[in-house]
Amino acid sequence: MADGAMYQEDFLAWTIDQANRLRAISQFQLEEFDGVDFDLLIEEVEDLGRSDVLRVQSLVRKALVHLIKIVSDPDADAVNHWEREVMTFTLDASDSYGGSYRQRIDMDAVWKKAQREAALALGQHGSSPKSFESSCPVDLDWMMGDEFTVEAARNQISSAVIRPPEP
């Protein structure tokens, strides 16, 4: 993949590639590179990739929080707003998402944080969150893809509700 295409399609992969190229160049003691602080430059390039992963991860968490609220309180006045927010967050995240992000985003950890955040938000409005399974029911690649819909995501989240045993 050409560097420009990699930059556009998978920014994280591009930052990793560029940092590796800078490391290779820094091995040589070339006069034209005197004064270039390769260690800090490499660190900054790597930080750009990490920051973008954290941004995508944050948007995914926010979408999951709203999905949890929708499933936990489907009659709330804010459901339409929450649905719009889910689409906004997933579309914004998908603008940056590339295949290499999958390896850096732990969906189960994001899911646990989303549950905690949703529980707090619901509690502040006098509502209680449902209890959910510990593993995230939503696939990250699907969530970032063109096939994603709020309704399908709501169904997947609903399937993760832990139902109390029947007497």
N, C-alpha and C. Protein backbone atom coordinates (compact mmCIF):
# COMPACT_ATOMS: atom_id res chain seq x y z
N MET A 1 0.86 -1.18 0.00
CA MET A 1 0.00 0.00 0.00
C MET A 1 0.90 1.24 0.00
N ALA A 2 0.60 2.17 -0.87
CA ALA A 2 1.37 3.42 -0.93
C ALA A 2 1.19 4.19 0.37
N ASP A 3 2.22 4.96 0.75
CA ASP A 3 2.17 5.69 2.02
C ASP A 3 0.94 6.57 2.15
N GLY A 4 0.57 7.28 1.07
CA GLY A 4 -0.59 8.16 1.12
C GLY A 4 -1.88 7.39 1.35
N ALA A 5 -2.00 6.25 0.71
CA ALA A 5 -3.20 5.42 0.89
C ALA A 5 -3.25 4.87 2.30
N MET A 6 -2.09 4.43 2.82
CA MET A 6 -2.05 3.91 4.19
C MET A 6 -2.44 5.00 5.17
N TYR A 7 -1.97 6.20 4.95
CA TYR A 7 -2.31 7.33 5.83
C TYR A 7 -3.82 7.54 5.86
N GLN A 8 -4.46 7.46 4.69
CA GLN A 8 -5.90 7.69 4.59
C GLN A 8 -6.73 6.52 5.15
N GLU A 9 -6.28 5.29 4.92
CA GLU A 9 -7.08 4.12 5.26
C GLU A 9 -6.83 3.56 6.65
N ASP A 10 -5.61 3.73 7.17
CA ASP A 10 -5.28 3.17 8.49
C ASP A 10 -4.18 4.01 9.10
N PHE A 11 -4.59 5.12 9.72
CA PHE A 11 -3.64 6.08 10.28
C PHE A 11 -2.70 5.45 11.29
N LEU A 12 -3.21 4.55 12.12
CA LEU A 12 -2.37 3.89 13.10
C LEU A 12 -1.27 3.08 12.42
N ALA A 13 -1.62 2.31 11.42
CA ALA A 13 -0.62 1.52 10.68
C ALA A 13 0.42 2.44 10.05
N TRP A 14 -0.04 3.59 9.55
CA TRP A 14 0.88 4.55 8.95
C TRP A 14 1.85 5.09 9.99
N THR A 15 1.36 5.44 11.19
CA THR A 15 2.25 5.98 12.23
C THR A 15 3.27 4.92 12.66
N ILE A 16 2.86 3.67 12.75
CA ILE A 16 3.78 2.59 13.11
C ILE A 16 4.85 2.43 12.03
N ASP A 17 4.42 2.44 10.78
CA ASP A 17 5.35 2.33 9.65
C ASP A 17 6.34 3.49 9.63
N GLN A 18 5.84 4.71 9.81
CA GLN A 18 6.71 5.88 9.78
C GLN A 18 7.71 5.87 10.94
N ALA A 19 7.26 5.46 12.12
CA ALA A 19 8.17 5.37 13.27
C ALA A 19 9.27 4.34 12.99
N ASN A 20 8.91 3.22 12.39
CA ASN A 20 9.91 2.20 12.04
C ASN A 20 10.90 2.71 11.01
N ARG A 21 10.41 3.48 10.04
CA ARG A 21 11.31 4.05 9.02
C ARG A 21 12.26 5.07 9.66
N LEU A 22 11.74 5.87 10.57
CA LEU A 22 12.59 6.84 11.26
C LEU A 22 13.66 6.14 12.10
N ARG A 23 13.27 5.02 12.74
CA ARG A 23 14.26 4.24 13.50
C ARG A 23 15.38 3.74 12.59
N ALA A 24 15.00 3.27 11.42
CA ALA A 24 15.99 2.76 10.47
C ALA A 24 16.93 3.88 10.02
N ILE A 25 16.39 5.05 9.73
CA ILE A 25 17.22 6.18 9.31
C ILE A 25 18.14 6.61 10.44
N SER A 26 17.64 6.58 11.67
CA SER A 26 18.42 7.06 12.81
C SER A 26 19.65 6.18 13.07
N GLN A 27 19.67 4.97 12.52
CA GLN A 27 20.81 4.07 12.69
C GLN A 27 22.05 4.60 11.98
N PHE A 28 21.81 5.36 10.95
CA PHE A 28 22.92 5.89 10.16
C PHE A 28 23.32 7.26 10.68
N GLN A 29 24.57 7.51 10.73
CA GLN A 29 25.07 8.80 11.21
C GLN A 29 25.29 9.72 10.01
N LEU A 30 24.22 10.12 9.37
CA LEU A 30 24.30 10.95 8.17
C LEU A 30 24.34 12.43 8.56
N GLU A 31 25.28 13.16 7.93
CA GLU A 31 25.46 14.58 8.26
C GLU A 31 24.21 15.41 8.03
N GLU A 32 23.45 15.09 6.99
CA GLU A 32 22.27 15.90 6.69
C GLU A 32 21.18 15.76 7.75
N PHE A 33 21.33 14.78 8.64
CA PHE A 33 20.35 14.60 9.72
C PHE A 33 20.89 15.02 11.08
N ASP A 34 22.05 15.70 11.08
CA ASP A 34 22.56 16.22 12.34
C ASP A 34 21.54 17.18 12.93
N GLY A 35 21.30 17.07 14.21
CA GLY A 35 20.36 17.96 14.88
C GLY A 35 18.94 17.44 14.92
N VAL A 36 18.65 16.37 14.18
CA VAL A 36 17.31 15.80 14.23
C VAL A 36 17.23 14.90 15.46
N ASP A 37 16.29 15.18 16.31
CA ASP A 37 16.11 14.38 17.54
C ASP A 37 15.19 13.21 17.19
N PHE A 38 15.80 12.15 16.68
CA PHE A 38 15.02 11.00 16.20
C PHE A 38 14.21 10.35 17.32
N ASP A 39 14.77 10.25 18.51
CA ASP A 39 14.04 9.60 19.61
C ASP A 39 12.72 10.32 19.91
N LEU A 40 12.78 11.65 20.02
CA LEU A 40 11.56 12.41 20.30
C LEU A 40 10.62 12.43 19.10
N LEU A 41 11.17 12.51 17.91
CA LEU A 41 10.36 12.51 16.70
C LEU A 41 9.60 11.18 16.57
N ILE A 42 10.28 10.07 16.81
CA ILE A 42 9.65 8.75 16.77
C ILE A 42 8.56 8.66 17.83
N GLU A 43 8.85 9.13 19.03
CA GLU A 43 7.86 9.11 20.12
C GLU A 43 6.62 9.91 19.75
N GLU A 44 6.82 11.07 19.14
CA GLU A 44 5.68 11.92 18.76
C GLU A 44 4.83 11.25 17.68
N VAL A 45 5.47 10.63 16.70
CA VAL A 45 4.73 9.95 15.64
C VAL A 45 3.93 8.79 16.24
N GLU A 46 4.54 8.03 17.13
CA GLU A 46 3.82 6.92 17.78
C GLU A 46 2.67 7.44 18.63
N ASP A 47 2.87 8.58 19.31
CA ASP A 47 1.82 9.17 20.14
C ASP A 47 0.61 9.60 19.29
N LEU A 48 0.88 10.06 18.06
CA LEU A 48 -0.23 10.43 17.18
C LEU A 48 -1.13 9.22 16.93
N GLY A 49 -0.53 8.07 16.67
CA GLY A 49 -1.31 6.85 16.44
C GLY A 49 -2.07 6.43 17.68
N ARG A 50 -1.39 6.45 18.83
CA ARG A 50 -2.05 6.07 20.09
C ARG A 50 -3.22 7.00 20.41
N SER A 51 -3.03 8.29 20.18
CA SER A 51 -4.09 9.26 20.45
C SER A 51 -5.31 9.00 19.57
N ASP A 52 -5.07 8.64 18.32
CA ASP A 52 -6.19 8.38 17.44
C ASP A 52 -6.93 7.12 17.86
N VAL A 53 -6.21 6.10 18.31
CA VAL A 53 -6.86 4.89 18.81
C VAL A 53 -7.71 5.22 20.03
N LEU A 54 -7.19 6.03 20.93
CA LEU A 54 -7.95 6.41 22.13
C LEU A 54 -9.19 7.21 21.77
N ARG A 55 -9.10 8.04 20.74
CA ARG A 55 -10.26 8.82 20.30
C ARG A 55 -11.34 7.88 19.75
N VAL A 56 -10.95 6.94 18.90
CA VAL A 56 -11.90 5.98 18.34
C VAL A 56 -12.51 5.15 19.47
N GLN A 57 -11.67 4.70 20.38
CA GLN A 57 -12.14 3.89 21.52
C GLN A 57 -13.15 4.68 22.36
N SER A 58 -12.89 5.95 22.58
CA SER A 58 -13.80 6.79 23.36
C SER A 58 -15.16 6.93 22.65
N LEU A 59 -15.14 7.12 21.35
CA LEU A 59 -16.39 7.23 20.60
C LEU A 59 -17.17 5.92 20.63
N VAL A 60 -16.47 4.80 20.55
CA VAL A 60 -17.12 3.49 20.63
C VAL A 60 -17.76 3.32 22.01
N ARG A 61 -17.03 3.69 23.06
CA ARG A 61 -17.57 3.59 24.41
C ARG A 61 -18.82 4.45 24.56
N LYS A 62 -18.80 5.66 24.04
CA LYS A 62 -19.97 6.55 24.13
C LYS A 62 -21.17 5.94 23.40
N ALA A 63 -20.92 5.33 22.25
CA ALA A 63 -22.02 4.68 21.52
C ALA A 63 -22.58 3.53 22.34
N LEU A 64 -21.71 2.74 22.96
CA LEU A 64 -22.17 1.62 23.78
C LEU A 64 -22.95 2.12 25.00
N VAL A 65 -22.51 3.20 25.60
CA VAL A 65 -23.22 3.78 26.75
C VAL A 65 -24.66 4.10 26.34
N HIS A 66 -24.82 4.73 25.21
CA HIS A 66 -26.17 5.10 24.76
C HIS A 66 -27.00 3.86 24.41
N LEU A 67 -26.37 2.86 23.84
CA LEU A 67 -27.10 1.62 23.54
C LEU A 67 -27.56 0.94 24.83
N ILE A 68 -26.71 0.94 25.83
CA ILE A 68 -27.08 0.36 27.13
C ILE A 68 -28.26 1.14 27.73
N LYS A 69 -28.23 2.46 27.61
CA LYS A 69 -29.33 3.27 28.13
C LYS A 69 -30.62 2.97 27.37
N ILE A 70 -30.53 2.80 26.07
CA ILE A 70 -31.72 2.49 25.26
C ILE A 70 -32.32 1.15 25.69
N VAL A 71 -31.46 0.15 25.88
CA VAL A 71 -31.95 -1.17 26.26
C VAL A 71 -32.46 -1.17 27.70
N SER A 72 -31.81 -0.43 28.57
CA SER A 72 -32.20 -0.40 29.98
C SER A 72 -33.46 0.40 30.23
N ASP A 73 -33.67 1.46 29.44
CA ASP A 73 -34.82 2.33 29.66
C ASP A 73 -35.46 2.68 28.31
N PRO A 74 -36.08 1.68 27.66
CA PRO A 74 -36.60 1.89 26.30
C PRO A 74 -37.76 2.87 26.20
N ASP A 75 -38.36 3.21 27.31
CA ASP A 75 -39.48 4.16 27.29
C ASP A 75 -39.07 5.58 27.65
N ALA A 76 -37.78 5.81 27.85
CA ALA A 76 -37.31 7.14 28.23
C ALA A 76 -37.57 8.14 27.10
N ASP A 77 -37.84 9.36 27.49
CA ASP A 77 -38.06 10.43 26.51
C ASP A 77 -36.84 10.67 25.63
N ALA A 78 -35.67 10.32 26.13
CA ALA A 78 -34.42 10.61 25.43
C ALA A 78 -34.00 9.54 24.43
N VAL A 79 -34.80 8.50 24.24
CA VAL A 79 -34.39 7.39 23.37
C VAL A 79 -34.04 7.86 21.96
N ASN A 80 -34.85 8.71 21.36
CA ASN A 80 -34.55 9.20 20.00
C ASN A 80 -33.22 9.95 19.97
N HIS A 81 -32.98 10.75 21.00
CA HIS A 81 -31.71 11.47 21.10
C HIS A 81 -30.55 10.47 21.23
N TRP A 82 -30.71 9.47 22.09
CA TRP A 82 -29.65 8.48 22.28
C TRP A 82 -29.36 7.74 20.97
N GLU A 83 -30.41 7.43 20.21
CA GLU A 83 -30.21 6.74 18.93
C GLU A 83 -29.39 7.59 17.96
N ARG A 84 -29.72 8.88 17.89
CA ARG A 84 -28.95 9.79 17.02
C ARG A 84 -27.50 9.86 17.49
N GLU A 85 -27.29 9.91 18.79
CA GLU A 85 -25.93 9.96 19.33
C GLU A 85 -25.14 8.70 18.97
N VAL A 86 -25.79 7.54 19.05
CA VAL A 86 -25.12 6.29 18.68
C VAL A 86 -24.62 6.38 17.24
N MET A 87 -25.48 6.83 16.34
CA MET A 87 -25.06 6.94 14.94
C MET A 87 -23.95 7.97 14.76
N THR A 88 -24.06 9.10 15.44
CA THR A 88 -23.02 10.12 15.34
C THR A 88 -21.68 9.58 15.82
N PHE A 89 -21.68 8.94 16.98
CA PHE A 89 -20.42 8.42 17.53
C PHE A 89 -19.82 7.34 16.64
N THR A 90 -20.64 6.43 16.13
CA THR A 90 -20.09 5.35 15.30
C THR A 90 -19.60 5.89 13.95
N LEU A 91 -20.33 6.82 13.37
CA LEU A 91 -19.88 7.40 12.10
C LEU A 91 -18.58 8.17 12.28
N ASP A 92 -18.48 8.95 13.37
CA ASP A 92 -17.24 9.68 13.64
C ASP A 92 -16.07 8.73 13.87
N ALA A 93 -16.30 7.66 14.62
CA ALA A 93 -15.24 6.68 14.87
C ALA A 93 -14.83 5.97 13.59
N SER A 94 -15.81 5.65 12.76
CA SER A 94 -15.50 4.91 11.53
C SER A 94 -14.69 5.74 10.54
N ASP A 95 -14.75 7.06 10.66
CA ASP A 95 -13.94 7.91 9.78
C ASP A 95 -12.45 7.66 9.95
N SER A 96 -12.03 7.30 11.15
CA SER A 96 -10.61 7.06 11.44
C SER A 96 -10.26 5.58 11.50
N TYR A 97 -11.23 4.74 11.74
CA TYR A 97 -10.98 3.33 12.02
C TYR A 97 -10.31 2.62 10.85
N GLY A 98 -9.25 1.88 11.20
CA GLY A 98 -8.57 1.01 10.25
C GLY A 98 -8.37 -0.35 10.89
N GLY A 99 -8.02 -1.33 10.09
CA GLY A 99 -7.89 -2.70 10.58
C GLY A 99 -6.93 -2.87 11.74
N SER A 100 -5.89 -2.05 11.80
CA SER A 100 -4.91 -2.21 12.87
C SER A 100 -5.46 -1.75 14.22
N TYR A 101 -6.53 -1.00 14.22
CA TYR A 101 -7.13 -0.53 15.47
C TYR A 101 -7.72 -1.71 16.26
N ARG A 102 -8.22 -2.71 15.53
CA ARG A 102 -8.84 -3.88 16.14
C ARG A 102 -7.92 -4.51 17.18
N GLN A 103 -6.64 -4.54 16.91
CA GLN A 103 -5.67 -5.16 17.82
C GLN A 103 -5.42 -4.30 19.06
N ARG A 104 -5.75 -3.04 19.00
CA ARG A 104 -5.45 -2.12 20.10
C ARG A 104 -6.66 -1.79 20.97
N ILE A 105 -7.86 -2.14 20.50
CA ILE A 105 -9.07 -1.81 21.25
C ILE A 105 -9.64 -3.08 21.84
N ASP A 106 -9.64 -3.15 23.15
CA ASP A 106 -10.18 -4.30 23.88
C ASP A 106 -11.67 -4.03 24.13
N MET A 107 -12.51 -4.63 23.30
CA MET A 107 -13.95 -4.35 23.38
C MET A 107 -14.55 -4.77 24.71
N ASP A 108 -14.04 -5.83 25.32
CA ASP A 108 -14.58 -6.23 26.63
C ASP A 108 -14.29 -5.18 27.69
N ALA A 109 -13.08 -4.59 27.65
CA ALA A 109 -12.75 -3.52 28.60
C ALA A 109 -13.58 -2.27 28.32
N VAL A 110 -13.76 -1.94 27.05
CA VAL A 110 -14.59 -0.79 26.68
C VAL A 110 -16.03 -1.02 27.14
N TRP A 111 -16.52 -2.25 26.97
CA TRP A 111 -17.88 -2.64 27.36
C TRP A 111 -18.08 -2.46 28.87
N LYS A 112 -17.10 -2.88 29.65
CA LYS A 112 -17.21 -2.75 31.11
C LYS A 112 -17.28 -1.28 31.52
N LYS A 113 -16.45 -0.44 30.91
CA LYS A 113 -16.48 0.99 31.21
C LYS A 113 -17.80 1.61 30.77
N ALA A 114 -18.30 1.19 29.62
CA ALA A 114 -19.58 1.71 29.13
C ALA A 114 -20.71 1.35 30.09
N GLN A 115 -20.67 0.14 30.63
CA GLN A 115 -21.70 -0.26 31.59
C GLN A 115 -21.65 0.62 32.85
N ARG A 116 -20.45 0.89 33.33
CA ARG A 116 -20.31 1.74 34.52
C ARG A 116 -20.82 3.15 34.25
N GLU A 117 -20.46 3.69 33.10
CA GLU A 117 -20.88 5.04 32.75
C GLU A 117 -22.40 5.11 32.57
N ALA A 118 -22.96 4.11 31.90
CA ALA A 118 -24.42 4.09 31.69
C ALA A 118 -25.16 3.96 33.02
N ALA A 119 -24.63 3.13 33.92
CA ALA A 119 -25.27 2.95 35.23
C ALA A 119 -25.33 4.28 35.97
N LEU A 120 -24.26 5.03 35.93
CA LEU A 120 -24.24 6.34 36.59
C LEU A 120 -25.27 7.27 35.96
N ALA A 121 -25.27 7.36 34.63
CA ALA A 121 -26.20 8.26 33.94
C ALA A 121 -27.65 7.86 34.19
N LEU A 122 -27.93 6.57 34.12
CA LEU A 122 -29.30 6.12 34.36
C LEU A 122 -29.71 6.39 35.81
N GLY A 123 -28.82 6.13 36.75
CA GLY A 123 -29.11 6.35 38.16
C GLY A 123 -29.42 7.80 38.46
N GLN A 124 -28.74 8.71 37.77
CA GLN A 124 -28.99 10.14 37.98
C GLN A 124 -30.38 10.55 37.51
N HIS A 125 -30.99 9.72 36.67
CA HIS A 125 -32.34 10.02 36.17
C HIS A 125 -33.38 9.07 36.75
N GLY A 126 -33.00 8.40 37.85
CA GLY A 126 -33.95 7.55 38.55
C GLY A 126 -34.25 6.24 37.85
N SER A 127 -33.37 5.82 36.99
CA SER A 127 -33.57 4.57 36.26
C SER A 127 -32.46 3.60 36.64
N SER A 128 -32.69 2.33 36.44
CA SER A 128 -31.68 1.32 36.77
C SER A 128 -31.22 0.62 35.50
N PRO A 129 -29.92 0.38 35.40
CA PRO A 129 -29.42 -0.35 34.22
C PRO A 129 -29.75 -1.83 34.34
N LYS A 130 -29.85 -2.47 33.20
CA LYS A 130 -29.98 -3.92 33.19
C LYS A 130 -28.62 -4.51 33.58
N SER A 131 -28.62 -5.79 33.93
CA SER A 131 -27.36 -6.51 34.15
C SER A 131 -27.00 -7.18 32.84
N PHE A 132 -25.74 -7.04 32.46
CA PHE A 132 -25.28 -7.57 31.17
C PHE A 132 -24.16 -8.58 31.36
N GLU A 133 -24.01 -9.41 30.35
CA GLU A 133 -22.88 -10.35 30.33
C GLU A 133 -21.59 -9.54 30.30
N SER A 134 -20.50 -10.18 30.72
CA SER A 134 -19.24 -9.44 30.83
C SER A 134 -18.54 -9.23 29.49
N SER A 135 -18.81 -10.08 28.51
CA SER A 135 -18.15 -9.87 27.23
C SER A 135 -19.03 -9.03 26.32
N CYS A 136 -18.39 -8.18 25.54
CA CYS A 136 -19.11 -7.25 24.68
C CYS A 136 -19.85 -8.01 23.59
N PRO A 137 -21.14 -7.76 23.43
CA PRO A 137 -21.92 -8.46 22.42
C PRO A 137 -21.81 -7.87 21.02
N VAL A 138 -21.10 -6.77 20.88
CA VAL A 138 -21.01 -6.08 19.59
C VAL A 138 -19.59 -6.20 19.04
N ASP A 139 -19.48 -6.59 17.79
CA ASP A 139 -18.19 -6.72 17.12
C ASP A 139 -17.72 -5.34 16.63
N LEU A 140 -16.48 -5.02 16.91
CA LEU A 140 -15.94 -3.71 16.56
C LEU A 140 -15.94 -3.46 15.06
N ASP A 141 -15.48 -4.43 14.27
CA ASP A 141 -15.45 -4.23 12.82
C ASP A 141 -16.85 -3.99 12.27
N TRP A 142 -17.83 -4.75 12.76
CA TRP A 142 -19.21 -4.55 12.32
C TRP A 142 -19.70 -3.16 12.72
N MET A 143 -19.37 -2.76 13.93
CA MET A 143 -19.81 -1.46 14.43
C MET A 143 -19.26 -0.32 13.57
N MET A 144 -18.08 -0.50 13.03
CA MET A 144 -17.44 0.53 12.21
C MET A 144 -17.80 0.43 10.74
N GLY A 145 -18.57 -0.60 10.37
CA GLY A 145 -18.88 -0.84 8.96
C GLY A 145 -20.17 -0.21 8.50
N ASP A 146 -20.40 -0.31 7.21
CA ASP A 146 -21.58 0.27 6.57
C ASP A 146 -22.87 -0.47 6.92
N GLU A 147 -22.76 -1.69 7.40
CA GLU A 147 -23.95 -2.49 7.73
C GLU A 147 -24.50 -2.18 9.13
N PHE A 148 -23.78 -1.40 9.90
CA PHE A 148 -24.19 -1.08 11.27
C PHE A 148 -25.50 -0.30 11.27
N THR A 149 -26.42 -0.72 12.13
CA THR A 149 -27.64 0.04 12.39
C THR A 149 -27.88 0.07 13.90
N VAL A 150 -28.53 1.10 14.35
CA VAL A 150 -28.84 1.21 15.78
C VAL A 150 -29.77 0.07 16.19
N GLU A 151 -30.74 -0.24 15.36
CA GLU A 151 -31.69 -1.30 15.70
C GLU A 151 -30.99 -2.65 15.87
N ALA A 152 -30.10 -2.98 14.95
CA ALA A 152 -29.37 -4.25 15.05
C ALA A 152 -28.47 -4.25 16.29
N ALA A 153 -27.83 -3.12 16.57
CA ALA A 153 -26.97 -3.03 17.75
C ALA A 153 -27.80 -3.15 19.03
N ARG A 154 -28.96 -2.52 19.04
CA ARG A 154 -29.86 -2.62 20.20
C ARG A 154 -30.24 -4.09 20.42
N ASN A 155 -30.51 -4.82 19.35
CA ASN A 155 -30.85 -6.24 19.48
C ASN A 155 -29.68 -7.04 20.04
N GLN A 156 -28.48 -6.74 19.59
CA GLN A 156 -27.30 -7.44 20.11
C GLN A 156 -27.08 -7.13 21.59
N ILE A 157 -27.25 -5.88 21.96
CA ILE A 157 -27.10 -5.50 23.36
C ILE A 157 -28.19 -6.18 24.20
N SER A 158 -29.40 -6.20 23.69
CA SER A 158 -30.51 -6.87 24.40
C SER A 158 -30.22 -8.34 24.64
N SER A 159 -29.54 -8.97 23.69
CA SER A 159 -29.23 -10.40 23.84
C SER A 159 -28.22 -10.66 24.96
N ALA A 160 -27.54 -9.61 25.39
CA ALA A 160 -26.53 -9.75 26.45
C ALA A 160 -27.09 -9.47 27.84
N VAL A 161 -28.37 -9.15 27.91
CA VAL A 161 -29.00 -8.91 29.22
C VAL A 161 -29.05 -10.22 29.98
N ILE A 162 -28.62 -10.18 31.24
CA ILE A 162 -28.70 -11.37 32.10
C ILE A 162 -30.08 -11.37 32.72
N ARG A 163 -30.82 -12.38 32.41
CA ARG A 163 -32.18 -12.50 32.92
C ARG A 163 -32.17 -13.30 34.21
N PRO A 164 -32.91 -12.83 35.20
CA PRO A 164 -32.96 -13.59 36.47
C PRO A 164 -33.59 -14.97 36.23
N PRO A 165 -33.13 -15.96 36.97
CA PRO A 165 -33.71 -17.30 36.79
C PRO A 165 -35.19 -17.29 37.15
N GLU A 166 -35.94 -18.08 36.40
CA GLU A 166 -37.38 -18.16 36.67
C GLU A 166 -37.62 -19.06 37.88
N PRO A 167 -38.61 -18.68 38.69
CA PRO A 167 -38.88 -19.47 39.92
C PRO A 167 -39.43 -20.84 39.62
